[in-house]
């Protein structure tokens, strides 16, 4: 049953509480310090023809379990949960009035496999990019996360007015 509240920053127009979507993202560096990014399919519902971190939404599972599942489903990468560490969080509103999102970024210290296209309807290529020469276009919050991680920060808020 929805929780009623007075209209405010966390409520919709009818006073209904607006819950945050939880996304997970993989920050993966190769031995040369390059970051793995995928080019999203042109017909993607979100960010078509734009580079992004490997990502997914939590589906009645822990964030790390989601990350491990998505890495295998999307790119054929095998990651042991013990090799995963929290790296960055972004609390984001893409556009005013849209559902807020918590984007959790995790770093994998080790993994098995070479990135391969497992969901070609969502991602058309994987590539390794030096953080000082990221491709364009790139999802803005992915760029913010990469820059934040490199600067030693762990949190940002984007799109809140």
N, C-alpha and C. Protein backbone atom coordinates (compact mmCIF):
# COMPACT_ATOMS: atom_id res chain seq x y z
N UNK A 1 0.84 -1.17 0.00
CA UNK A 1 0.00 0.00 0.00
C UNK A 1 0.89 1.23 0.00
N UNK A 2 0.67 2.23 -0.90
CA UNK A 2 1.49 3.44 -0.94
C UNK A 2 1.35 4.23 0.34
N UNK A 3 2.44 4.82 0.72
CA UNK A 3 2.47 5.67 1.90
C UNK A 3 2.09 7.08 1.51
N UNK A 4 1.15 7.69 2.20
CA UNK A 4 0.75 9.06 1.89
C UNK A 4 1.61 10.03 2.67
N UNK A 5 1.86 11.15 2.05
CA UNK A 5 2.67 12.18 2.69
C UNK A 5 2.26 13.53 2.11
N UNK A 6 2.59 14.57 2.82
CA UNK A 6 2.34 15.90 2.28
C UNK A 6 3.26 16.12 1.09
N UNK A 7 2.79 16.82 0.05
CA UNK A 7 3.66 17.06 -1.10
C UNK A 7 4.98 17.71 -0.66
N UNK A 8 6.04 17.27 -1.25
CA UNK A 8 7.36 17.78 -0.92
C UNK A 8 8.38 17.18 -1.85
N UNK A 9 9.66 17.29 -1.52
CA UNK A 9 10.69 16.83 -2.44
C UNK A 9 10.68 15.34 -2.71
N UNK A 10 10.09 14.53 -1.81
CA UNK A 10 10.09 13.08 -2.00
C UNK A 10 8.71 12.55 -2.36
N UNK A 11 7.79 13.43 -2.72
CA UNK A 11 6.44 12.98 -3.02
C UNK A 11 6.02 13.41 -4.41
N UNK A 12 5.10 12.64 -4.98
CA UNK A 12 4.55 12.98 -6.28
C UNK A 12 3.46 14.03 -6.13
N UNK A 13 2.80 14.33 -7.24
CA UNK A 13 1.80 15.39 -7.24
C UNK A 13 0.59 15.05 -6.39
N UNK A 14 0.28 13.77 -6.21
CA UNK A 14 -0.89 13.39 -5.42
C UNK A 14 -0.51 13.12 -3.97
N UNK A 15 0.71 13.47 -3.58
CA UNK A 15 1.15 13.23 -2.21
C UNK A 15 1.65 11.82 -1.97
N UNK A 16 1.77 11.01 -3.03
CA UNK A 16 2.29 9.66 -2.90
C UNK A 16 3.81 9.70 -2.77
N UNK A 17 4.35 8.85 -1.94
CA UNK A 17 5.79 8.77 -1.80
C UNK A 17 6.39 8.24 -3.10
N UNK A 18 7.45 8.87 -3.56
CA UNK A 18 8.16 8.44 -4.77
C UNK A 18 9.40 7.69 -4.32
N UNK A 19 9.44 6.41 -4.64
CA UNK A 19 10.58 5.59 -4.25
C UNK A 19 11.72 5.75 -5.25
N UNK A 20 12.93 5.53 -4.78
CA UNK A 20 14.12 5.62 -5.62
C UNK A 20 14.40 4.26 -6.27
N UNK A 21 14.79 4.28 -7.54
CA UNK A 21 15.25 3.09 -8.24
C UNK A 21 16.72 2.91 -7.85
N UNK A 22 17.14 1.66 -7.65
CA UNK A 22 18.53 1.38 -7.31
C UNK A 22 19.21 0.74 -8.52
N UNK A 23 20.23 1.41 -9.01
CA UNK A 23 21.03 0.87 -10.11
C UNK A 23 22.42 0.52 -9.61
N UNK A 24 23.04 -0.46 -10.24
CA UNK A 24 24.42 -0.82 -9.91
C UNK A 24 25.26 -0.70 -11.17
N UNK A 25 26.51 -0.34 -10.98
CA UNK A 25 27.42 -0.11 -12.10
C UNK A 25 28.78 -0.71 -11.78
N UNK A 26 29.45 -1.18 -12.82
CA UNK A 26 30.76 -1.78 -12.66
C UNK A 26 31.84 -0.83 -13.14
N UNK A 27 32.74 -0.48 -12.22
CA UNK A 27 33.93 0.29 -12.56
C UNK A 27 35.06 -0.73 -12.64
N UNK A 28 35.50 -1.00 -13.86
CA UNK A 28 36.50 -2.03 -14.08
C UNK A 28 37.68 -1.41 -14.80
N UNK A 29 38.87 -1.54 -14.22
CA UNK A 29 40.11 -1.04 -14.84
C UNK A 29 40.96 -2.21 -15.27
N UNK A 30 41.52 -2.11 -16.47
CA UNK A 30 42.44 -3.14 -16.91
C UNK A 30 43.84 -2.83 -16.38
N UNK A 31 44.82 -3.62 -16.74
CA UNK A 31 46.19 -3.45 -16.27
C UNK A 31 46.85 -2.16 -16.71
N UNK A 32 46.26 -1.47 -17.70
CA UNK A 32 46.80 -0.19 -18.18
C UNK A 32 46.04 1.00 -17.60
N UNK A 33 45.12 0.73 -16.66
CA UNK A 33 44.36 1.82 -16.05
C UNK A 33 43.19 2.31 -16.88
N UNK A 34 42.83 1.56 -17.92
CA UNK A 34 41.70 1.95 -18.76
C UNK A 34 40.40 1.39 -18.16
N UNK A 35 39.31 2.11 -18.39
CA UNK A 35 38.00 1.77 -17.83
C UNK A 35 37.13 1.12 -18.91
N UNK A 36 36.40 0.08 -18.52
CA UNK A 36 35.51 -0.61 -19.44
C UNK A 36 34.22 0.18 -19.61
N UNK A 37 33.87 0.48 -20.86
CA UNK A 37 32.61 1.15 -21.18
C UNK A 37 31.95 0.43 -22.35
N UNK A 38 30.63 0.43 -22.33
CA UNK A 38 29.87 -0.14 -23.44
C UNK A 38 29.17 0.96 -24.21
N UNK A 39 29.03 0.76 -25.52
CA UNK A 39 28.25 1.68 -26.35
C UNK A 39 26.84 1.11 -26.41
N UNK A 40 25.88 1.85 -25.85
CA UNK A 40 24.51 1.38 -25.78
C UNK A 40 23.88 1.32 -27.18
N UNK A 41 23.00 0.36 -27.37
CA UNK A 41 22.31 0.18 -28.64
C UNK A 41 21.53 1.44 -28.99
N UNK A 42 21.48 1.83 -30.27
CA UNK A 42 20.76 3.05 -30.66
C UNK A 42 19.29 3.06 -30.25
N UNK A 43 18.67 1.88 -30.15
CA UNK A 43 17.26 1.80 -29.79
C UNK A 43 17.01 1.63 -28.29
N UNK A 44 18.06 1.78 -27.47
CA UNK A 44 17.89 1.64 -26.03
C UNK A 44 16.92 2.68 -25.50
N UNK A 45 16.11 2.27 -24.52
CA UNK A 45 15.16 3.20 -23.90
C UNK A 45 15.90 4.33 -23.19
N UNK A 46 17.11 4.06 -22.72
CA UNK A 46 17.90 5.07 -22.03
C UNK A 46 19.26 5.19 -22.72
N UNK A 47 19.64 6.38 -23.09
CA UNK A 47 20.98 6.70 -23.57
C UNK A 47 21.41 5.89 -24.79
N UNK A 48 20.57 5.81 -25.80
CA UNK A 48 20.95 5.12 -27.04
C UNK A 48 22.13 5.81 -27.70
N UNK A 49 23.06 5.00 -28.24
CA UNK A 49 24.28 5.50 -28.90
C UNK A 49 25.18 6.30 -27.97
N UNK A 50 25.14 6.00 -26.69
CA UNK A 50 25.95 6.70 -25.69
C UNK A 50 26.75 5.66 -24.92
N UNK A 51 27.98 5.99 -24.56
CA UNK A 51 28.82 5.09 -23.77
C UNK A 51 28.41 5.13 -22.30
N UNK A 52 28.53 3.96 -21.67
CA UNK A 52 28.09 3.85 -20.27
C UNK A 52 28.86 2.71 -19.60
N UNK A 53 28.91 2.76 -18.29
CA UNK A 53 29.44 1.66 -17.51
C UNK A 53 28.50 0.47 -17.63
N UNK A 54 29.01 -0.73 -17.45
CA UNK A 54 28.15 -1.91 -17.36
C UNK A 54 27.22 -1.67 -16.18
N UNK A 55 25.92 -1.89 -16.37
CA UNK A 55 24.96 -1.49 -15.34
C UNK A 55 23.70 -2.34 -15.38
N UNK A 56 22.95 -2.27 -14.29
CA UNK A 56 21.66 -2.93 -14.21
C UNK A 56 20.89 -2.45 -13.01
N UNK A 57 19.66 -2.91 -12.87
CA UNK A 57 18.81 -2.55 -11.74
C UNK A 57 18.67 -3.73 -10.80
N UNK A 58 18.66 -3.44 -9.51
CA UNK A 58 18.47 -4.49 -8.51
C UNK A 58 17.06 -5.06 -8.65
N UNK A 59 16.98 -6.37 -8.65
CA UNK A 59 15.71 -7.09 -8.81
C UNK A 59 15.54 -8.06 -7.65
N UNK A 60 15.10 -7.56 -6.50
CA UNK A 60 14.89 -8.41 -5.32
C UNK A 60 16.16 -9.20 -4.99
N UNK A 61 17.30 -8.47 -4.95
CA UNK A 61 18.61 -9.07 -4.69
C UNK A 61 19.50 -7.99 -4.10
N UNK A 62 20.60 -8.39 -3.52
CA UNK A 62 21.54 -7.40 -3.00
C UNK A 62 22.23 -6.69 -4.16
N UNK A 63 22.80 -5.54 -3.88
CA UNK A 63 23.48 -4.76 -4.91
C UNK A 63 24.67 -5.53 -5.49
N UNK A 64 25.45 -6.17 -4.65
CA UNK A 64 26.61 -6.92 -5.15
C UNK A 64 26.16 -8.14 -5.96
N UNK A 65 25.12 -8.82 -5.50
CA UNK A 65 24.59 -9.95 -6.28
C UNK A 65 24.13 -9.49 -7.65
N UNK A 66 23.47 -8.33 -7.69
CA UNK A 66 23.02 -7.76 -8.96
C UNK A 66 24.22 -7.47 -9.87
N UNK A 67 25.25 -6.87 -9.32
CA UNK A 67 26.44 -6.54 -10.11
C UNK A 67 27.06 -7.80 -10.71
N UNK A 68 27.22 -8.83 -9.90
CA UNK A 68 27.81 -10.08 -10.37
C UNK A 68 26.94 -10.69 -11.47
N UNK A 69 25.63 -10.69 -11.28
CA UNK A 69 24.70 -11.22 -12.28
C UNK A 69 24.78 -10.43 -13.58
N UNK A 70 24.71 -9.11 -13.47
CA UNK A 70 24.73 -8.26 -14.67
C UNK A 70 26.05 -8.40 -15.44
N UNK A 71 27.18 -8.49 -14.74
CA UNK A 71 28.47 -8.63 -15.41
C UNK A 71 28.52 -9.90 -16.26
N UNK A 72 27.96 -10.98 -15.72
CA UNK A 72 27.94 -12.22 -16.50
C UNK A 72 26.92 -12.14 -17.63
N UNK A 73 25.71 -11.64 -17.34
CA UNK A 73 24.67 -11.57 -18.37
C UNK A 73 25.05 -10.65 -19.53
N UNK A 74 25.60 -9.48 -19.21
CA UNK A 74 25.87 -8.47 -20.24
C UNK A 74 27.19 -8.66 -20.97
N UNK A 75 28.21 -9.15 -20.24
CA UNK A 75 29.55 -9.17 -20.85
C UNK A 75 30.31 -10.48 -20.67
N UNK A 76 29.70 -11.48 -20.04
CA UNK A 76 30.39 -12.75 -19.86
C UNK A 76 31.53 -12.70 -18.86
N UNK A 77 31.52 -11.71 -17.99
CA UNK A 77 32.57 -11.57 -16.98
C UNK A 77 32.15 -12.28 -15.70
N UNK A 78 33.06 -13.06 -15.13
CA UNK A 78 32.80 -13.76 -13.87
C UNK A 78 33.51 -13.02 -12.75
N UNK A 79 32.73 -12.60 -11.77
CA UNK A 79 33.27 -11.83 -10.65
C UNK A 79 32.86 -12.50 -9.36
N UNK A 80 33.83 -12.74 -8.50
CA UNK A 80 33.57 -13.27 -7.17
C UNK A 80 33.13 -12.11 -6.29
N UNK A 81 32.00 -12.22 -5.60
CA UNK A 81 31.55 -11.13 -4.73
C UNK A 81 32.61 -10.66 -3.73
N UNK A 82 33.51 -11.56 -3.33
CA UNK A 82 34.57 -11.18 -2.39
C UNK A 82 35.57 -10.21 -3.02
N UNK A 83 35.58 -10.11 -4.35
CA UNK A 83 36.49 -9.21 -5.06
C UNK A 83 35.87 -7.87 -5.40
N UNK A 84 34.67 -7.61 -4.87
CA UNK A 84 33.93 -6.39 -5.16
C UNK A 84 34.02 -5.44 -3.98
N UNK A 85 34.26 -4.15 -4.29
CA UNK A 85 34.27 -3.13 -3.24
C UNK A 85 33.48 -1.91 -3.71
N UNK A 86 32.82 -1.26 -2.77
CA UNK A 86 32.08 -0.04 -3.07
C UNK A 86 33.06 1.03 -3.53
N UNK A 87 32.67 1.80 -4.56
CA UNK A 87 33.55 2.86 -5.07
C UNK A 87 32.89 4.23 -5.08
N UNK A 88 31.58 4.31 -5.38
CA UNK A 88 30.96 5.62 -5.58
C UNK A 88 29.44 5.49 -5.55
N UNK A 89 28.76 6.54 -5.12
CA UNK A 89 27.30 6.60 -5.16
C UNK A 89 26.88 7.95 -5.74
N UNK A 90 25.83 7.90 -6.54
CA UNK A 90 25.26 9.12 -7.12
C UNK A 90 23.77 9.10 -6.84
N UNK A 91 23.27 10.17 -6.24
CA UNK A 91 21.82 10.32 -6.06
C UNK A 91 21.38 11.29 -7.14
N UNK A 92 20.51 10.83 -8.02
CA UNK A 92 20.31 11.48 -9.31
C UNK A 92 18.83 11.65 -9.65
N UNK A 93 18.53 12.77 -10.25
CA UNK A 93 17.26 12.98 -10.93
C UNK A 93 17.63 13.38 -12.35
N UNK A 94 17.29 12.52 -13.33
CA UNK A 94 17.65 12.80 -14.73
C UNK A 94 17.04 14.10 -15.23
N UNK A 95 15.77 14.27 -14.97
CA UNK A 95 15.04 15.48 -15.37
C UNK A 95 14.06 15.81 -14.27
N UNK A 96 13.73 17.09 -14.06
CA UNK A 96 12.77 17.45 -13.02
C UNK A 96 11.47 16.64 -13.17
N UNK A 97 11.00 16.10 -12.06
CA UNK A 97 9.76 15.35 -12.06
C UNK A 97 9.91 13.87 -12.35
N UNK A 98 11.12 13.41 -12.74
CA UNK A 98 11.30 11.99 -13.01
C UNK A 98 11.67 11.27 -11.72
N UNK A 99 11.54 9.96 -11.74
CA UNK A 99 11.80 9.15 -10.56
C UNK A 99 13.28 9.26 -10.17
N UNK A 100 13.54 9.54 -8.90
CA UNK A 100 14.94 9.62 -8.46
C UNK A 100 15.60 8.25 -8.47
N UNK A 101 16.91 8.28 -8.59
CA UNK A 101 17.68 7.04 -8.67
C UNK A 101 18.91 7.12 -7.77
N UNK A 102 19.21 6.01 -7.16
CA UNK A 102 20.47 5.83 -6.44
C UNK A 102 21.32 4.94 -7.34
N UNK A 103 22.45 5.45 -7.78
CA UNK A 103 23.35 4.71 -8.65
C UNK A 103 24.58 4.32 -7.82
N UNK A 104 24.74 3.04 -7.58
CA UNK A 104 25.87 2.53 -6.82
C UNK A 104 26.93 2.00 -7.79
N UNK A 105 28.15 2.44 -7.61
CA UNK A 105 29.25 2.02 -8.47
C UNK A 105 30.20 1.17 -7.64
N UNK A 106 30.49 -0.01 -8.14
CA UNK A 106 31.40 -0.93 -7.46
C UNK A 106 32.60 -1.21 -8.36
N UNK A 107 33.73 -1.41 -7.71
CA UNK A 107 34.97 -1.78 -8.40
C UNK A 107 35.21 -3.27 -8.15
N UNK A 108 35.60 -3.98 -9.20
CA UNK A 108 36.02 -5.38 -9.04
C UNK A 108 37.53 -5.42 -9.10
N UNK A 109 38.16 -5.96 -8.07
CA UNK A 109 39.61 -6.05 -8.03
C UNK A 109 40.12 -7.13 -8.99
N UNK A 110 39.32 -8.19 -9.16
CA UNK A 110 39.68 -9.28 -10.06
C UNK A 110 38.42 -9.76 -10.77
N UNK A 111 38.60 -10.37 -11.92
CA UNK A 111 37.50 -10.96 -12.67
C UNK A 111 38.08 -11.97 -13.63
N UNK A 112 37.21 -12.82 -14.17
CA UNK A 112 37.61 -13.79 -15.19
C UNK A 112 36.82 -13.49 -16.45
N UNK A 113 37.50 -13.62 -17.58
CA UNK A 113 36.84 -13.44 -18.87
C UNK A 113 37.25 -12.17 -19.57
N UNK A 114 36.88 -12.12 -20.83
CA UNK A 114 37.10 -10.96 -21.68
C UNK A 114 35.72 -10.44 -22.07
N UNK A 115 35.50 -9.12 -21.97
CA UNK A 115 34.17 -8.60 -22.29
C UNK A 115 33.71 -9.04 -23.69
N UNK A 116 32.50 -9.59 -23.73
CA UNK A 116 31.90 -10.01 -24.99
C UNK A 116 30.47 -9.52 -25.03
N UNK A 117 29.95 -9.39 -26.24
CA UNK A 117 28.57 -8.91 -26.41
C UNK A 117 27.60 -10.06 -26.15
N UNK A 118 26.93 -9.99 -25.01
CA UNK A 118 25.96 -11.02 -24.66
C UNK A 118 24.53 -10.53 -24.82
N UNK A 119 24.34 -9.20 -24.87
CA UNK A 119 23.02 -8.61 -25.05
C UNK A 119 23.11 -7.55 -26.16
N UNK A 120 23.25 -8.00 -27.41
CA UNK A 120 23.47 -7.05 -28.50
C UNK A 120 22.30 -6.09 -28.74
N UNK A 121 21.14 -6.40 -28.17
CA UNK A 121 20.01 -5.48 -28.28
C UNK A 121 20.13 -4.33 -27.29
N UNK A 122 21.10 -4.42 -26.37
CA UNK A 122 21.31 -3.37 -25.37
C UNK A 122 22.66 -2.69 -25.50
N UNK A 123 23.66 -3.43 -25.93
CA UNK A 123 25.02 -2.90 -26.03
C UNK A 123 25.64 -3.40 -27.33
N UNK A 124 26.21 -2.49 -28.13
CA UNK A 124 26.76 -2.90 -29.43
C UNK A 124 28.28 -3.09 -29.41
N UNK A 125 28.95 -2.61 -28.36
CA UNK A 125 30.40 -2.85 -28.26
C UNK A 125 30.88 -2.57 -26.84
N UNK A 126 31.97 -3.23 -26.50
CA UNK A 126 32.69 -2.96 -25.25
C UNK A 126 34.06 -2.43 -25.62
N UNK A 127 34.56 -1.50 -24.84
CA UNK A 127 35.90 -0.98 -25.10
C UNK A 127 36.54 -0.47 -23.83
N UNK A 128 37.85 -0.44 -23.85
CA UNK A 128 38.64 0.06 -22.73
C UNK A 128 39.10 1.47 -23.06
N UNK A 129 38.86 2.41 -22.16
CA UNK A 129 39.14 3.82 -22.41
C UNK A 129 39.97 4.40 -21.28
N UNK A 130 40.98 5.17 -21.65
CA UNK A 130 41.77 5.85 -20.64
C UNK A 130 40.89 6.93 -20.00
N UNK A 131 40.90 7.04 -18.68
CA UNK A 131 40.03 8.02 -18.00
C UNK A 131 40.27 9.47 -18.43
N UNK A 132 41.45 9.78 -18.95
CA UNK A 132 41.71 11.14 -19.44
C UNK A 132 41.26 11.33 -20.89
N UNK A 133 40.78 10.27 -21.52
CA UNK A 133 40.34 10.35 -22.91
C UNK A 133 39.06 9.52 -23.10
N UNK A 134 38.06 9.82 -22.28
CA UNK A 134 36.79 9.09 -22.36
C UNK A 134 36.08 9.42 -23.67
N UNK A 135 35.33 8.46 -24.18
CA UNK A 135 34.63 8.68 -25.45
C UNK A 135 33.46 9.66 -25.28
N UNK A 136 33.03 10.20 -26.39
CA UNK A 136 31.82 11.02 -26.39
C UNK A 136 30.88 10.46 -27.45
N UNK A 137 29.62 10.48 -27.18
CA UNK A 137 29.04 10.90 -25.90
C UNK A 137 29.16 9.81 -24.85
N UNK A 138 29.08 10.23 -23.60
CA UNK A 138 29.10 9.32 -22.45
C UNK A 138 28.00 9.78 -21.49
N UNK A 139 27.35 8.85 -20.82
CA UNK A 139 26.33 9.20 -19.84
C UNK A 139 26.97 10.14 -18.82
N UNK A 140 26.40 11.32 -18.60
CA UNK A 140 27.02 12.30 -17.71
C UNK A 140 27.33 11.79 -16.31
N UNK A 141 26.43 11.01 -15.72
CA UNK A 141 26.73 10.54 -14.36
C UNK A 141 27.81 9.45 -14.37
N UNK A 142 27.99 8.74 -15.48
CA UNK A 142 29.09 7.78 -15.58
C UNK A 142 30.42 8.54 -15.59
N UNK A 143 30.47 9.63 -16.36
CA UNK A 143 31.67 10.47 -16.37
C UNK A 143 31.94 11.02 -14.96
N UNK A 144 30.89 11.50 -14.29
CA UNK A 144 31.04 12.05 -12.94
C UNK A 144 31.58 10.99 -11.98
N UNK A 145 31.09 9.76 -12.12
CA UNK A 145 31.56 8.68 -11.24
C UNK A 145 33.03 8.37 -11.50
N UNK A 146 33.41 8.25 -12.77
CA UNK A 146 34.81 7.96 -13.11
C UNK A 146 35.72 9.06 -12.58
N UNK A 147 35.34 10.31 -12.81
CA UNK A 147 36.15 11.44 -12.31
C UNK A 147 36.18 11.45 -10.78
N UNK A 148 35.06 11.18 -10.14
CA UNK A 148 35.00 11.16 -8.68
C UNK A 148 35.87 10.06 -8.09
N UNK A 149 35.80 8.88 -8.66
CA UNK A 149 36.61 7.76 -8.17
C UNK A 149 38.09 8.10 -8.29
N UNK A 150 38.48 8.64 -9.42
CA UNK A 150 39.89 8.99 -9.63
C UNK A 150 40.35 10.08 -8.66
N UNK A 151 39.42 10.96 -8.24
CA UNK A 151 39.76 12.05 -7.32
C UNK A 151 39.64 11.63 -5.86
N UNK A 152 39.23 10.39 -5.61
CA UNK A 152 39.11 9.90 -4.24
C UNK A 152 37.81 10.27 -3.54
N UNK A 153 36.83 10.75 -4.32
CA UNK A 153 35.52 11.05 -3.73
C UNK A 153 34.64 9.80 -3.82
N UNK A 154 33.56 9.79 -3.03
CA UNK A 154 32.68 8.62 -3.04
C UNK A 154 31.21 8.96 -3.26
N UNK A 155 30.85 10.25 -3.42
CA UNK A 155 29.43 10.59 -3.50
C UNK A 155 29.22 11.87 -4.30
N UNK A 156 28.09 11.89 -5.04
CA UNK A 156 27.66 13.11 -5.73
C UNK A 156 26.15 13.12 -5.83
N UNK A 157 25.61 14.31 -5.94
CA UNK A 157 24.17 14.49 -6.22
C UNK A 157 24.07 15.26 -7.52
N UNK A 158 23.20 14.77 -8.42
CA UNK A 158 23.07 15.38 -9.74
C UNK A 158 21.58 15.57 -10.04
N UNK A 159 21.23 16.76 -10.53
CA UNK A 159 19.88 17.02 -11.00
C UNK A 159 18.89 17.50 -9.97
N UNK A 160 19.30 17.59 -8.72
CA UNK A 160 18.41 18.07 -7.68
C UNK A 160 18.42 19.59 -7.70
N UNK A 161 17.24 20.17 -7.60
CA UNK A 161 17.18 21.65 -7.61
C UNK A 161 16.95 22.19 -6.22
